[in-house]
Each structure stands twice: as C-alpha cells, then as structure tokens.
Protein backbone atom coordinates (compact mmCIF):
# COMPACT_ATOMS: atom_id res chain seq x y z
CA MET A 1 -59.48 -101.97 -0.71
CA SER A 2 -60.35 -103.92 -3.84
CA ALA A 3 -58.10 -106.08 -6.02
CA HIS A 4 -58.21 -103.32 -8.60
CA ASP A 5 -56.82 -100.79 -6.10
CA LEU A 6 -53.99 -103.17 -5.22
CA TYR A 7 -53.24 -103.60 -8.93
CA VAL A 8 -53.10 -99.82 -9.40
CA ILE A 9 -50.65 -99.24 -6.54
CA SER A 10 -48.70 -102.49 -7.01
CA PRO A 11 -45.58 -100.82 -8.54
CA TYR A 12 -45.31 -98.48 -5.55
CA LEU A 13 -45.81 -101.35 -3.11
CA GLY A 14 -43.21 -103.35 -5.04
CA VAL A 15 -40.51 -100.67 -4.71
CA ALA A 16 -41.28 -100.04 -1.02
CA GLY A 17 -41.35 -103.81 -0.37
CA THR A 18 -37.96 -104.20 -2.06
CA ALA A 19 -36.57 -101.48 0.21
CA LEU A 20 -37.79 -103.31 3.32
CA LEU A 21 -36.48 -106.63 2.00
CA VAL A 22 -32.99 -105.24 1.36
CA ILE A 23 -32.83 -103.73 4.88
CA LEU A 24 -33.93 -107.03 6.45
CA LEU A 25 -31.50 -109.07 4.34
CA ASP A 26 -28.69 -106.80 5.51
CA LEU A 27 -29.22 -108.24 9.01
CA VAL A 28 -28.60 -111.84 7.93
CA VAL A 29 -26.46 -111.69 4.78
CA THR A 30 -22.71 -111.71 5.43
CA LYS A 31 -21.68 -110.98 1.82
CA LYS A 32 -22.77 -107.37 1.45
CA GLY A 33 -22.04 -107.49 -2.27
CA LEU A 34 -25.26 -109.46 -2.69
CA LEU A 35 -27.45 -106.59 -1.46
CA PRO A 36 -27.35 -104.50 -4.66
CA ILE A 37 -28.15 -107.66 -6.63
CA PHE A 38 -31.23 -108.24 -4.46
CA ALA A 39 -32.19 -104.57 -4.86
CA ILE A 40 -31.94 -104.62 -8.66
CA LEU A 41 -33.72 -107.98 -8.93
CA GLY A 42 -36.44 -106.64 -6.64
CA LEU A 43 -37.00 -103.72 -9.02
CA LEU A 44 -37.82 -106.11 -11.85
CA ALA A 45 -41.27 -106.81 -10.35
CA PRO A 46 -42.44 -103.15 -10.18
CA LEU A 47 -40.88 -102.59 -13.60
CA ALA A 48 -42.88 -105.49 -15.04
CA LEU A 49 -46.06 -104.26 -13.31
CA THR A 50 -45.50 -100.76 -14.69
CA LEU A 51 -45.06 -102.24 -18.16
CA ILE A 52 -48.33 -104.17 -17.79
CA GLN A 53 -50.08 -100.99 -16.71
CA ALA A 54 -48.63 -99.16 -19.72
CA PHE A 55 -50.22 -101.73 -22.05
CA ASP A 56 -53.44 -101.59 -20.06
CA LEU A 57 -53.59 -97.83 -20.63
CA ILE A 58 -53.99 -98.41 -24.37
CA ASP A 59 -57.67 -98.98 -23.66
CA SER A 60 -58.00 -96.75 -20.61
CA LEU A 61 -57.12 -93.14 -19.77
CA ASN A 62 -56.71 -93.62 -16.02
CA LEU A 63 -56.31 -96.95 -14.26
CA VAL A 64 -57.69 -95.55 -11.00
CA LYS A 65 -61.07 -95.05 -12.68
CA GLY A 66 -61.07 -98.51 -14.21
CA SER A 67 -59.08 -100.68 -16.55
CA GLU A 68 -59.59 -103.41 -19.03
CA LEU A 69 -57.38 -105.75 -17.02
CA LEU A 70 -59.24 -105.48 -13.74
CA ALA A 71 -62.50 -103.71 -14.41
CA THR A 72 -64.65 -102.91 -11.42
CA SER A 73 -68.00 -101.30 -10.84
CA GLU A 74 -67.06 -100.12 -7.36
CA PRO A 75 -65.50 -96.69 -6.92
CA SER A 76 -61.80 -96.81 -6.11
CA VAL A 77 -60.65 -95.68 -2.66
CA LEU A 78 -57.77 -93.98 -4.48
CA LEU A 79 -60.01 -91.78 -6.59
CA GLY A 80 -59.03 -88.18 -6.05
CA SER A 81 -55.60 -88.90 -4.57
CA LEU A 82 -53.79 -90.68 -7.41
CA SER A 83 -54.02 -90.73 -11.17
CA VAL A 84 -52.20 -93.67 -12.73
CA ASP A 85 -52.22 -92.50 -16.34
CA ARG A 86 -49.71 -92.26 -19.19
CA PHE A 87 -48.13 -89.23 -17.53
CA ALA A 88 -47.46 -91.11 -14.27
CA ILE A 89 -46.28 -94.23 -16.14
CA PHE A 90 -43.70 -92.17 -18.08
CA PHE A 91 -42.13 -90.94 -14.87
CA ASN A 92 -42.39 -94.37 -13.21
CA PHE A 93 -40.15 -95.79 -15.93
CA LEU A 94 -37.76 -92.85 -15.60
CA VAL A 95 -37.44 -93.17 -11.80
CA LEU A 96 -37.13 -96.97 -11.83
CA ALA A 97 -34.41 -96.85 -14.50
CA ALA A 98 -32.48 -94.15 -12.61
CA ALA A 99 -32.76 -96.05 -9.30
CA ALA A 100 -31.54 -99.32 -10.83
CA LEU A 101 -28.57 -97.66 -12.54
CA VAL A 102 -27.57 -95.69 -9.44
CA ILE A 103 -27.67 -98.85 -7.31
CA MET A 104 -25.54 -100.60 -9.95
CA SER A 105 -22.96 -97.80 -9.95
CA SER A 106 -22.84 -97.63 -6.13
CA THR A 107 -21.39 -101.10 -5.58
CA ASP A 108 -17.76 -100.02 -5.88
CA TYR A 109 -18.39 -96.79 -4.00
CA LEU A 110 -19.78 -98.65 -0.96
CA ARG A 111 -17.06 -101.26 -0.70
CA GLN A 112 -15.24 -98.94 1.67
CA MET A 113 -18.18 -99.33 4.09
CA ASP A 114 -18.73 -102.55 6.03
CA GLN A 115 -21.92 -101.28 7.64
CA TYR A 116 -25.11 -99.56 6.57
CA GLN A 117 -25.10 -100.84 2.97
CA GLY A 118 -28.61 -102.21 3.40
CA GLU A 119 -29.78 -98.85 4.72
CA TYR A 120 -28.16 -97.10 1.75
CA TYR A 121 -30.00 -99.16 -0.87
CA GLY A 122 -33.20 -99.12 1.18
CA LEU A 123 -33.19 -95.32 1.40
CA ILE A 124 -32.70 -95.00 -2.36
CA LEU A 125 -35.69 -97.28 -2.93
CA PHE A 126 -37.88 -95.49 -0.38
CA SER A 127 -37.06 -92.18 -2.05
CA ALA A 128 -37.88 -93.72 -5.45
CA THR A 129 -41.28 -94.76 -4.04
CA GLY A 130 -41.96 -91.15 -3.05
CA MET A 131 -40.93 -89.91 -6.50
CA MET A 132 -43.27 -92.34 -8.23
CA LEU A 133 -46.15 -91.36 -5.94
CA LEU A 134 -45.36 -87.69 -6.54
CA SER A 135 -45.78 -88.01 -10.30
CA ALA A 136 -49.18 -89.69 -9.82
CA ALA A 137 -50.54 -87.52 -6.99
CA THR A 138 -53.68 -85.49 -7.72
CA GLU A 139 -54.52 -84.28 -4.22
CA LEU A 140 -52.66 -81.71 -2.12
CA ILE A 141 -52.16 -83.80 1.03
CA THR A 142 -50.97 -86.75 -1.06
CA ILE A 143 -48.54 -84.40 -2.80
CA TYR A 144 -47.15 -83.23 0.54
CA ILE A 145 -46.70 -86.78 1.84
CA ALA A 146 -45.00 -87.83 -1.41
CA VAL A 147 -42.66 -84.80 -1.22
CA GLU A 148 -41.62 -85.74 2.31
CA LEU A 149 -41.19 -89.42 1.39
CA THR A 150 -38.94 -88.29 -1.45
CA THR A 151 -36.91 -85.79 0.55
CA MET A 152 -36.28 -87.43 3.95
CA PRO A 153 -34.38 -90.47 2.59
CA LEU A 154 -32.29 -88.13 0.43
CA VAL A 155 -31.43 -86.06 3.51
CA ALA A 156 -30.07 -89.18 5.23
CA LEU A 157 -28.22 -90.22 2.07
CA ALA A 158 -26.63 -86.77 1.66
CA ALA A 159 -25.09 -87.15 5.14
CA PHE A 160 -24.29 -90.83 4.64
CA MET A 161 -20.48 -90.61 4.49
CA ASN A 162 -20.31 -89.21 8.05
CA SER A 163 -17.64 -86.68 7.09
CA ALA A 164 -17.65 -82.96 7.81
CA LYS A 165 -18.76 -82.00 4.30
CA SER A 166 -21.29 -84.82 4.11
CA SER A 167 -22.81 -83.87 7.47
CA GLU A 168 -22.99 -80.24 6.36
CA ALA A 169 -24.68 -81.31 3.14
CA GLY A 170 -27.29 -83.36 5.00
CA MET A 171 -27.97 -80.63 7.56
CA LYS A 172 -28.33 -77.88 4.95
CA PHE A 173 -30.55 -80.11 2.82
CA PHE A 174 -32.72 -80.87 5.84
CA ILE A 175 -33.08 -77.26 7.02
CA VAL A 176 -33.83 -75.77 3.61
CA GLY A 177 -36.14 -78.68 2.78
CA ALA A 178 -38.04 -78.28 6.05
CA ILE A 179 -38.53 -74.54 5.49
CA SER A 180 -39.69 -75.03 1.90
CA SER A 181 -42.06 -77.83 2.94
CA ALA A 182 -43.57 -75.65 5.66
CA LEU A 183 -44.13 -72.80 3.22
CA MET A 184 -45.61 -75.21 0.67
CA LEU A 185 -47.98 -76.63 3.29
CA TYR A 186 -49.13 -73.14 4.25
CA GLY A 187 -49.74 -72.41 0.57
CA MET A 188 -51.84 -75.56 0.34
CA ALA A 189 -53.86 -74.38 3.34
CA LEU A 190 -54.57 -71.05 1.62
CA ILE A 191 -55.60 -72.82 -1.59
CA TYR A 192 -57.90 -75.10 0.42
CA GLY A 193 -59.37 -72.07 2.14
CA PHE A 194 -60.15 -70.44 -1.20
CA THR A 195 -61.43 -73.51 -3.05
CA GLY A 196 -62.81 -75.71 -0.24
CA THR A 197 -61.11 -78.82 -1.62
CA THR A 198 -57.68 -80.44 -1.90
CA ILE A 199 -58.39 -82.41 -5.10
CA ILE A 200 -56.74 -80.83 -8.14
CA SER A 201 -59.66 -81.40 -10.53
CA GLU A 202 -62.07 -79.74 -8.12
CA ILE A 203 -59.61 -76.92 -7.48
CA ALA A 204 -59.59 -76.23 -11.22
CA ALA A 205 -63.36 -75.66 -11.19
CA SER A 206 -63.09 -73.21 -8.29
CA VAL A 207 -60.14 -71.33 -9.77
CA GLY A 208 -62.17 -70.69 -12.92
CA ASN A 209 -64.49 -68.51 -10.82
CA ALA A 210 -61.68 -66.31 -9.52
CA SER A 211 -61.81 -62.81 -10.92
CA GLY A 212 -60.30 -59.48 -10.07
CA ASP A 213 -57.68 -56.93 -10.99
CA ILE A 214 -54.89 -58.54 -8.97
CA PRO A 215 -52.73 -61.43 -10.25
CA PHE A 216 -54.46 -64.81 -10.06
CA GLY A 217 -57.75 -63.04 -9.33
CA ASN A 218 -57.59 -63.43 -5.53
CA TYR A 219 -55.04 -62.60 -2.80
CA ALA A 220 -55.39 -66.00 -1.12
CA LEU A 221 -54.86 -67.76 -4.42
CA LEU A 222 -51.92 -65.51 -5.25
CA VAL A 223 -50.10 -66.16 -1.97
CA GLY A 224 -51.04 -69.85 -1.98
CA LEU A 225 -49.65 -70.48 -5.46
CA VAL A 226 -46.47 -68.54 -4.76
CA LEU A 227 -45.86 -70.55 -1.58
CA LEU A 228 -46.64 -73.77 -3.44
CA LEU A 229 -44.08 -72.78 -6.06
CA VAL A 230 -41.50 -72.26 -3.29
CA GLY A 231 -41.80 -75.93 -2.35
CA PHE A 232 -41.58 -77.07 -5.94
CA GLY A 233 -38.74 -74.62 -6.63
CA PHE A 234 -36.68 -76.21 -3.86
CA LYS A 235 -37.13 -79.63 -5.44
CA ILE A 236 -36.28 -78.54 -8.98
CA SER A 237 -33.35 -76.40 -7.69
CA SER A 238 -34.35 -73.24 -9.54
CA VAL A 239 -33.30 -69.70 -8.65
CA PRO A 240 -33.93 -68.29 -6.01
CA PHE A 241 -34.42 -71.58 -4.16
CA GLN A 242 -31.06 -73.08 -5.15
CA MET A 243 -28.89 -72.09 -2.19
CA TRP A 244 -28.62 -75.68 -0.94
CA VAL A 245 -27.49 -77.19 -4.25
CA PRO A 246 -23.71 -76.47 -4.41
CA ASP A 247 -22.96 -77.61 -0.85
CA VAL A 248 -25.12 -80.74 -1.09
CA TYR A 249 -23.60 -81.68 -4.45
CA GLU A 250 -20.07 -81.18 -3.11
CA GLY A 251 -20.52 -82.97 0.21
CA GLY A 252 -22.92 -85.81 -0.63
CA PRO A 253 -21.90 -89.26 -1.95
CA THR A 254 -21.47 -89.02 -5.72
CA PRO A 255 -23.98 -91.79 -6.65
CA VAL A 256 -26.56 -90.19 -4.34
CA ILE A 257 -26.07 -86.83 -6.04
CA ALA A 258 -26.50 -88.52 -9.39
CA PHE A 259 -29.87 -89.88 -8.24
CA LEU A 260 -30.86 -86.55 -6.68
CA SER A 261 -29.95 -84.59 -9.80
CA VAL A 262 -32.14 -86.55 -12.19
CA ALA A 263 -34.86 -88.59 -10.47
CA SER A 264 -35.80 -86.04 -7.83
CA LYS A 265 -35.80 -83.25 -10.42
CA ALA A 266 -37.96 -85.32 -12.79
CA ALA A 267 -40.53 -86.08 -10.07
CA ALA A 268 -40.66 -82.42 -9.02
CA PHE A 269 -41.28 -81.27 -12.57
CA ALA A 270 -43.92 -83.96 -12.95
CA ILE A 271 -46.01 -82.65 -10.06
CA LEU A 272 -45.37 -79.03 -11.07
CA LEU A 273 -46.78 -79.77 -14.53
CA ARG A 274 -49.76 -81.68 -13.18
CA VAL A 275 -50.69 -79.10 -10.54
CA PHE A 276 -50.27 -75.96 -12.62
CA PHE A 277 -51.69 -77.23 -15.91
CA SER A 278 -54.50 -79.40 -14.54
CA GLY A 279 -55.43 -77.31 -11.50
CA PHE A 280 -54.57 -73.69 -12.24
CA PHE A 281 -54.69 -73.32 -16.00
CA ASP A 282 -57.39 -70.63 -15.85
CA VAL A 283 -54.81 -68.30 -14.25
CA SER A 284 -51.94 -69.64 -16.37
CA LEU A 285 -51.13 -66.29 -17.97
CA ASP A 286 -50.01 -65.10 -14.55
CA TRP A 287 -47.96 -68.09 -13.49
CA ALA A 288 -46.48 -68.61 -16.98
CA ALA A 289 -44.89 -65.17 -16.75
CA LEU A 290 -43.52 -66.12 -13.34
CA MET A 291 -42.12 -69.39 -14.76
CA ALA A 292 -40.44 -67.46 -17.57
CA ALA A 293 -38.76 -65.12 -15.07
CA LEU A 294 -37.54 -68.08 -12.95
CA ALA A 295 -36.27 -69.79 -16.10
CA ALA A 296 -34.28 -66.73 -17.15
CA ALA A 297 -32.77 -66.24 -13.68
CA SER A 298 -31.84 -69.93 -13.36
CA MET A 299 -30.17 -70.10 -16.79
CA VAL A 300 -28.15 -66.93 -16.20
CA ILE A 301 -27.08 -67.48 -12.58
CA GLY A 302 -26.47 -71.22 -12.94
CA ASN A 303 -24.20 -70.87 -15.97
CA LEU A 304 -22.34 -67.74 -14.86
CA VAL A 305 -21.47 -69.03 -11.38
CA ALA A 306 -20.46 -72.46 -12.75
CA VAL A 307 -17.68 -70.78 -14.74
CA SER A 308 -15.66 -70.00 -11.58
CA GLN A 309 -15.95 -73.44 -9.92
CA SER A 310 -12.88 -75.60 -9.24
CA ASN A 311 -14.72 -78.61 -7.72
CA ILE A 312 -16.34 -80.78 -10.38
CA LYS A 313 -19.30 -81.82 -8.22
CA ARG A 314 -19.95 -78.22 -7.20
CA LEU A 315 -19.75 -77.26 -10.88
CA PHE A 316 -22.38 -79.87 -11.68
CA GLY A 317 -24.54 -78.37 -8.95
CA TYR A 318 -24.64 -75.05 -10.76
CA SER A 319 -25.07 -76.90 -14.03
CA ALA A 320 -28.19 -78.55 -12.55
CA ILE A 321 -29.55 -75.09 -11.68
CA ALA A 322 -28.99 -73.97 -15.28
CA HIS A 323 -30.71 -77.05 -16.70
CA ALA A 324 -33.67 -76.45 -14.37
CA GLY A 325 -33.92 -73.08 -16.09
CA TYR A 326 -33.96 -74.68 -19.54
CA ILE A 327 -36.72 -77.05 -18.47
CA LEU A 328 -38.74 -74.15 -17.00
CA VAL A 329 -38.67 -72.59 -20.47
CA GLY A 330 -40.80 -75.51 -21.63
CA VAL A 331 -43.19 -75.07 -18.70
CA ALA A 332 -43.69 -71.39 -19.54
CA ALA A 333 -44.07 -72.26 -23.23
CA GLY A 334 -47.07 -74.48 -22.45
CA VAL A 335 -49.30 -71.39 -22.31
CA LYS A 336 -50.22 -69.20 -25.29
CA VAL A 337 -52.53 -66.22 -25.67
CA THR A 338 -55.37 -66.63 -28.17
CA GLY A 339 -55.89 -63.61 -30.39
CA ALA A 340 -54.10 -60.28 -30.51
CA ASP A 341 -56.24 -58.53 -27.90
CA SER A 342 -57.33 -61.51 -25.85
CA ASN A 343 -56.26 -62.58 -22.39
CA ILE A 344 -57.60 -66.11 -22.76
CA PRO A 345 -54.91 -68.77 -22.21
CA GLU A 346 -54.49 -71.58 -24.70
CA PHE A 347 -52.81 -74.90 -23.92
CA ALA A 348 -49.75 -75.49 -26.11
CA SER A 349 -48.88 -79.15 -25.76
CA ILE A 350 -45.43 -78.68 -27.32
CA GLY A 351 -44.34 -77.03 -24.06
CA PRO A 352 -45.00 -79.99 -21.70
CA ASP A 353 -43.91 -82.34 -24.51
CA SER A 354 -40.52 -80.67 -24.59
CA VAL A 355 -40.24 -80.81 -20.79
CA LEU A 356 -40.73 -84.58 -20.70
CA PHE A 357 -38.33 -85.15 -23.57
CA TYR A 358 -35.71 -82.88 -21.96
CA LEU A 359 -36.02 -84.75 -18.64
CA ALA A 360 -35.43 -88.10 -20.38
CA ALA A 361 -32.43 -86.74 -22.29
CA TYR A 362 -31.00 -85.02 -19.22
CA THR A 363 -31.39 -88.15 -17.10
CA ALA A 364 -29.36 -90.22 -19.57
CA ALA A 365 -26.61 -87.62 -20.06
CA ASN A 366 -26.26 -86.57 -16.43
CA LEU A 367 -26.19 -90.14 -15.13
CA THR A 368 -23.47 -90.99 -17.65
CA ALA A 369 -21.41 -88.02 -16.49
CA PHE A 370 -21.86 -88.80 -12.80
CA PHE A 371 -21.06 -92.49 -13.23
CA ALA A 372 -17.81 -91.55 -14.98
CA ILE A 373 -17.02 -88.99 -12.25
CA THR A 374 -17.68 -91.64 -9.59
CA ALA A 375 -15.30 -94.13 -11.23
CA ILE A 376 -12.57 -91.54 -11.82
CA GLY A 377 -12.95 -89.80 -8.45
CA MET A 378 -12.64 -93.10 -6.56
CA ARG A 379 -9.22 -93.70 -8.17
CA ILE A 380 -7.71 -90.22 -8.05
CA GLY A 381 -9.14 -89.46 -4.59
CA SER A 382 -10.21 -85.94 -5.47
CA ASP A 383 -13.09 -83.94 -6.93
CA ARG A 384 -10.95 -80.97 -7.98
CA ILE A 385 -10.99 -80.34 -11.72
CA GLU A 386 -7.22 -79.75 -11.82
CA ASP A 387 -6.69 -83.29 -10.49
CA TYR A 388 -8.37 -84.66 -13.62
CA ALA A 389 -5.21 -83.74 -15.54
CA GLY A 390 -4.01 -86.58 -17.76
CA VAL A 391 -7.03 -88.82 -17.11
CA ALA A 392 -7.23 -89.47 -20.86
CA ARG A 393 -3.85 -91.25 -20.70
CA ARG A 394 -4.67 -93.16 -17.52
CA SER A 395 -8.11 -94.32 -18.74
CA PRO A 396 -8.92 -93.37 -22.35
CA VAL A 397 -12.36 -95.01 -22.27
CA LEU A 398 -13.57 -93.30 -19.09
CA ALA A 399 -12.22 -89.96 -20.32
CA ALA A 400 -13.97 -90.40 -23.67
CA ILE A 401 -17.28 -91.30 -21.99
CA LEU A 402 -17.07 -88.29 -19.65
CA ALA A 403 -16.17 -86.00 -22.56
CA LEU A 404 -19.11 -87.31 -24.59
CA SER A 405 -21.53 -86.78 -21.69
CA LEU A 406 -20.20 -83.22 -21.19
CA ALA A 407 -20.73 -82.55 -24.89
CA ALA A 408 -24.27 -83.86 -24.50
CA LEU A 409 -24.95 -81.58 -21.51
CA LEU A 410 -23.62 -78.68 -23.57
CA GLY A 411 -26.00 -79.57 -26.39
CA VAL A 412 -23.58 -80.62 -29.14
CA PRO A 413 -25.33 -82.47 -32.01
CA PRO A 414 -26.24 -85.26 -32.38
CA THR A 415 -26.39 -85.88 -28.62
CA SER A 416 -29.63 -86.15 -26.67
CA ILE A 417 -29.75 -82.66 -25.14
CA PHE A 418 -29.12 -80.98 -28.50
CA ILE A 419 -32.48 -82.34 -29.66
CA ALA A 420 -34.03 -81.49 -26.28
CA LYS A 421 -32.83 -77.87 -26.36
CA LEU A 422 -33.92 -77.48 -29.97
CA TYR A 423 -37.37 -78.79 -29.04
CA ILE A 424 -37.73 -76.62 -25.95
CA PHE A 425 -36.54 -73.42 -27.68
CA THR A 426 -38.94 -74.13 -30.55
CA ALA A 427 -41.74 -74.36 -28.00
CA ALA A 428 -40.66 -70.99 -26.58
CA VAL A 429 -40.73 -69.34 -30.01
CA ASN A 430 -44.19 -70.79 -30.72
CA ALA A 431 -45.40 -69.31 -27.41
CA ASP A 432 -44.04 -65.86 -28.34
CA LEU A 433 -41.21 -66.19 -25.82
CA VAL A 434 -38.52 -65.42 -28.38
CA TRP A 435 -36.48 -63.46 -25.84
CA LEU A 436 -36.35 -66.51 -23.57
CA ALA A 437 -35.19 -68.76 -26.42
CA ILE A 438 -32.44 -66.27 -27.33
CA LEU A 439 -31.33 -66.07 -23.70
CA GLY A 440 -31.25 -69.87 -23.59
CA VAL A 441 -28.97 -70.02 -26.63
CA ILE A 442 -26.64 -67.37 -25.19
CA THR A 443 -26.36 -69.13 -21.81
CA SER A 444 -25.73 -72.43 -23.60
CA VAL A 445 -22.74 -70.80 -25.28
CA VAL A 446 -21.52 -69.65 -21.84
CA SER A 447 -21.80 -73.22 -20.54
CA ALA A 448 -19.35 -74.34 -23.24
CA TYR A 449 -16.55 -72.69 -21.25
CA TYR A 450 -16.80 -74.82 -18.12
CA TYR A 451 -17.73 -78.07 -19.88
CA VAL A 452 -14.88 -77.77 -22.39
CA ARG A 453 -12.49 -76.80 -19.57
CA ILE A 454 -12.95 -80.24 -18.00
CA ILE A 455 -12.29 -81.92 -21.36
CA ARG A 456 -9.19 -79.77 -21.92
CA VAL A 457 -7.79 -80.71 -18.49
CA MET A 458 -8.35 -84.44 -19.12
CA PHE A 459 -6.86 -84.56 -22.62
CA LEU A 460 -4.31 -81.74 -22.85
CA GLN A 461 -2.76 -81.53 -19.38
CA THR A 462 -0.27 -84.06 -18.01
CA SER A 463 -0.66 -86.06 -14.85
CA THR A 464 1.95 -86.48 -12.11
CA THR A 465 1.31 -90.25 -12.13
CA ALA A 466 0.86 -92.85 -14.84
CA GLU A 467 -1.22 -95.21 -12.66
CA ARG A 468 -4.08 -96.71 -14.64
CA ILE A 469 -7.68 -95.93 -13.72
CA SER A 470 -10.13 -98.80 -13.91
CA ALA A 471 -13.70 -99.54 -12.85
CA PRO A 472 -15.50 -102.73 -11.73
CA PRO A 473 -17.91 -104.55 -14.08
CA ALA A 474 -21.01 -103.13 -12.39
CA SER A 475 -19.82 -99.56 -12.98
CA TRP A 476 -19.02 -100.33 -16.61
CA ALA A 477 -22.49 -101.83 -17.05
CA ALA A 478 -24.16 -98.72 -15.59
CA LEU A 479 -22.01 -96.51 -17.83
CA ALA A 480 -22.83 -98.59 -20.90
CA ILE A 481 -26.60 -98.50 -20.30
CA ALA A 482 -26.75 -94.78 -19.47
CA GLY A 483 -24.36 -93.85 -22.27
CA GLY A 484 -26.23 -96.02 -24.75
CA ALA A 485 -29.52 -94.34 -23.81
CA MET A 486 -27.87 -90.93 -24.22
CA LEU A 487 -26.69 -91.75 -27.75
CA PHE A 488 -29.97 -93.44 -28.69
CA ILE A 489 -32.10 -90.44 -27.70
CA GLY A 490 -29.79 -88.15 -29.66
CA ILE A 491 -29.52 -90.23 -32.83
CA ALA A 492 -33.08 -91.64 -32.91
CA PRO A 493 -35.24 -89.31 -30.80
CA GLY A 494 -38.55 -90.32 -32.40
CA PHE A 495 -39.39 -93.07 -29.90
CA VAL A 496 -38.98 -90.87 -26.82
CA LEU A 497 -40.69 -87.96 -28.57
CA GLU A 498 -43.77 -90.09 -29.21
CA LEU A 499 -43.80 -91.29 -25.61
CA SER A 500 -43.56 -87.69 -24.39
CA LYS A 501 -46.45 -86.57 -26.61
CA ALA A 502 -48.63 -89.45 -25.42
CA ALA A 503 -47.75 -88.81 -21.77
CA VAL A 504 -48.91 -85.17 -21.67
CA GLY A 505 -52.43 -86.05 -22.79
CA PRO A 506 -53.80 -86.25 -19.21
CA LEU A 507 -52.59 -82.68 -18.57
CA THR A 508 -54.96 -81.17 -21.11
CA PRO A 509 -57.07 -78.58 -19.25
C-alpha cells in the first residue's frame, strides 16, 4: 500500500484508531469523565484530514485515482472499492459532527455507569467508521462489510443499558438486521451473477445491456435489486422495513438513538444514492417508481401511527419513518422522462441535491430535539409525554429549545427543514411527481398534531413538582452547537445548498 493510499483512508483509520485508544485508556484511566474528552479530541485528527481532502478535491474529482497533494503514477489498491470524492467528503463531515456531538451529550447520561464507558464511546466510533466507509464504498462486498461495521456496534449500543426494554431493543435490532443483511447479500450475489462484477461502475455498463418486457429488463436483476433495497430499506427505516424502529427507539439509550436516527440514516441514503444512480441508472424508471411508492407509504404510515403514541421516544421512531419517506421523495425525483413519448431516463440533479440538504437539516434538528429529550428525561425519570407537563416552568430554556426543534421537524419557517421540504417538494414537481408532493404537504400537516401536542403539554399543563431541571455544561454545549446549526441552515441555507450541489457531481450517470 502506497503513501497515497494511506492518505486516502487516513480519516477512516483515524476514527477507528480513536475507538481503540479510548477502549485501551478505559483500562488505565480512573477518572472516566476523561474518556469523552479523549474521544472528542481524537476526532479532531480525522476531521482535519477530511478538511485537507476537501481542499485537495478542488483540483481532483476522486482522491483514489490521484490527487494534487500526493500524486502517484501507480494504480491505487483501493481503486474499485472506494471513491473518496466530494460526495463521500460531505457525509464524512456529517458523520463526524454527529459522532462528536453525541459523545458530548452522553457524558451526563453515562455517569450512572461506572463500567463500560470506554466500550460505549468505542462502539460509537467504530460505527462511525462504518458509516464513513459506507458513503465512500463503490464495490458490493465493501458495501456489505461497511453495513455490518455500521450495524453491529449499534446493536450492542441498543442493548447497552442491560434493562428488559434495552435488551429487547438490541435483540430485535440484531434479528431484523441479520435477516435484512442476508437478503441484501443474496441480492448482491444475483447482481454479480448477471453482471459478472461487483464494482458499481462496471455493473452500470452491464445493466445498460439489459433488455426485455419485464421490470429492470431481467429477472435476476429484478430480484437482486429488490433484495438490495431490502437491506437499504432496513437502514433508512422506510416502510415496510420499519418494524424494528419503535421498539429500538423506546428501549435504547437516548444518545444512541440520536446517533442512530441521523448518522446511520445519512450513511444509508448515501450508499442508496451512489448504488442506484451510479450503477443502475439505465433502469431508473423502474426503481424510481418503486422509490415513490415507498416514500408515499412511509410518509402516510409514519405520521398516522405517530399520532397515537404516548412515549416520546417511540413517537420519534415513527417520526423518523415519516422523514425517511420525505427523503425518498428526493430520491425518486432524481429521475425524469425525456420527451412525451420517450422511456429514456434523464438525471435530475435537484433530486439528489435536495436529499443531501434534507439530511443536513434533519441531522441538526433531530439532534437538537434528542439532546433536549436526554437532558429532560434524565431529570424527570420518564419518557412519557404526559410527564413533560410543566417543563416550561421547571426549565424554560430547555423547553424553548425542544419546542424550536419540534417546530423545525414540522417544517415551520424559517427553520432548516422548512427549506429542506420546500426544496424536496420542488424537486418532486419538476420530476412530474406532483401527487407525491401534495401527499407530502398533507402528511406534514398531520405531523403538526403530535409535534404541537408535546409543546402544549410542556407549556400549558401544570406539573406536580416545581423542582428545577438543569443540564451539565457538556449537554448545553451540544445543544448550542446543534441548535445553532439548525437555525443557521434555516436562516442562511445558501452555504449548505452549495455544498449539496457540489457533492452530487460524482453521481452523474
């Protein structure tokens, strides 16, 4: 392996190395409060390396194929398995930021535990490594390994509290994840059998030769893509692969669920976009219709079932399903039909653009909400919505932050997700998916009921106790950063919009 290859994978090695370091330090450090500090400081190196790579990509499209910083005439051993381009860099920043903030917000949550703190932070970092690799993967086996590296640490983290609900969450996550991974692997085998390769760029060339009267042009390709979508659907928590979400969200540690809800979802959408747009665009008219159907089902079921929830974490589970539906609208909107009587697909960049922007906006808003829920839930000792009564009097700042994040998730202007929904519905209209945009608006109105209900309980109902609710400095810092990002994206979206547009360039078929 050359120096150039090490430079390309250095951010991934940095995150994995930080995970190992934190676990080893846990064996010798007596003050466990130092572990999150080491973890966050350790993330500064991969963050700096990712920033350097971002600047290096100004003069290069893909660092794996060569860069201005470390140019090489030798072919990279990574060629075909990874693509470190603007698309991967965008998600690297997103995952690293989410991991750092979740670690920061977990310090108070883990004070009740004298043991296993090193393992907790290490598992978060190992999962973050898998997510970063997933967004850069361009080969089917690499994708599968990255999916497992992402999922297995999250399984352990879901069961981390060693309670009945936490154990149930971990077990259900493991079983459903194992089944979906097995189906995805079988789909990859069928795709390999049809194309004779596992590299996405070479798959694209073979798929272009598929022809026939059945969907996708070939039965093997049809079944393979559907099974592949099953694996991705599990990760993005879309209908009908969402059955694990409510129980895992309810039983898992709140900071872990915060990380799962944003970083894991972002990485899953990253590989879904790369695989389907770069590898299977020639049959995109078929899978775009499938994406539209999944989007509609996820928006409807997620929002309608959330209305009846009494547990706030379970409610956010169904909310995550609904938001997966909104994001799938952008995926479906990335494909247009050229001409009135033509069946030739045309790449509409506004679709993937809107997906990346929505993921950034959703990450900021959802992390803000979960950090506030973590701080409040630790003090009231409950996740039931009715127990949030009078929180506005016990902690006006935390209640205001949670209310603002709920308004953002609803899509109230000028918050981040208002711009994101406007962008994604515009993409749907441009792709002649007007019915999907209308359905998205209607379901957004439905979501107002359960988001506003939480706000009403906090501000209009009285509490049985006047005990003040506070949070440690680390939690306030995480809230401030996530909340600031949420407001910034909503008020001045131009910066993130430009980054999103630049990042989707490598997806162009």
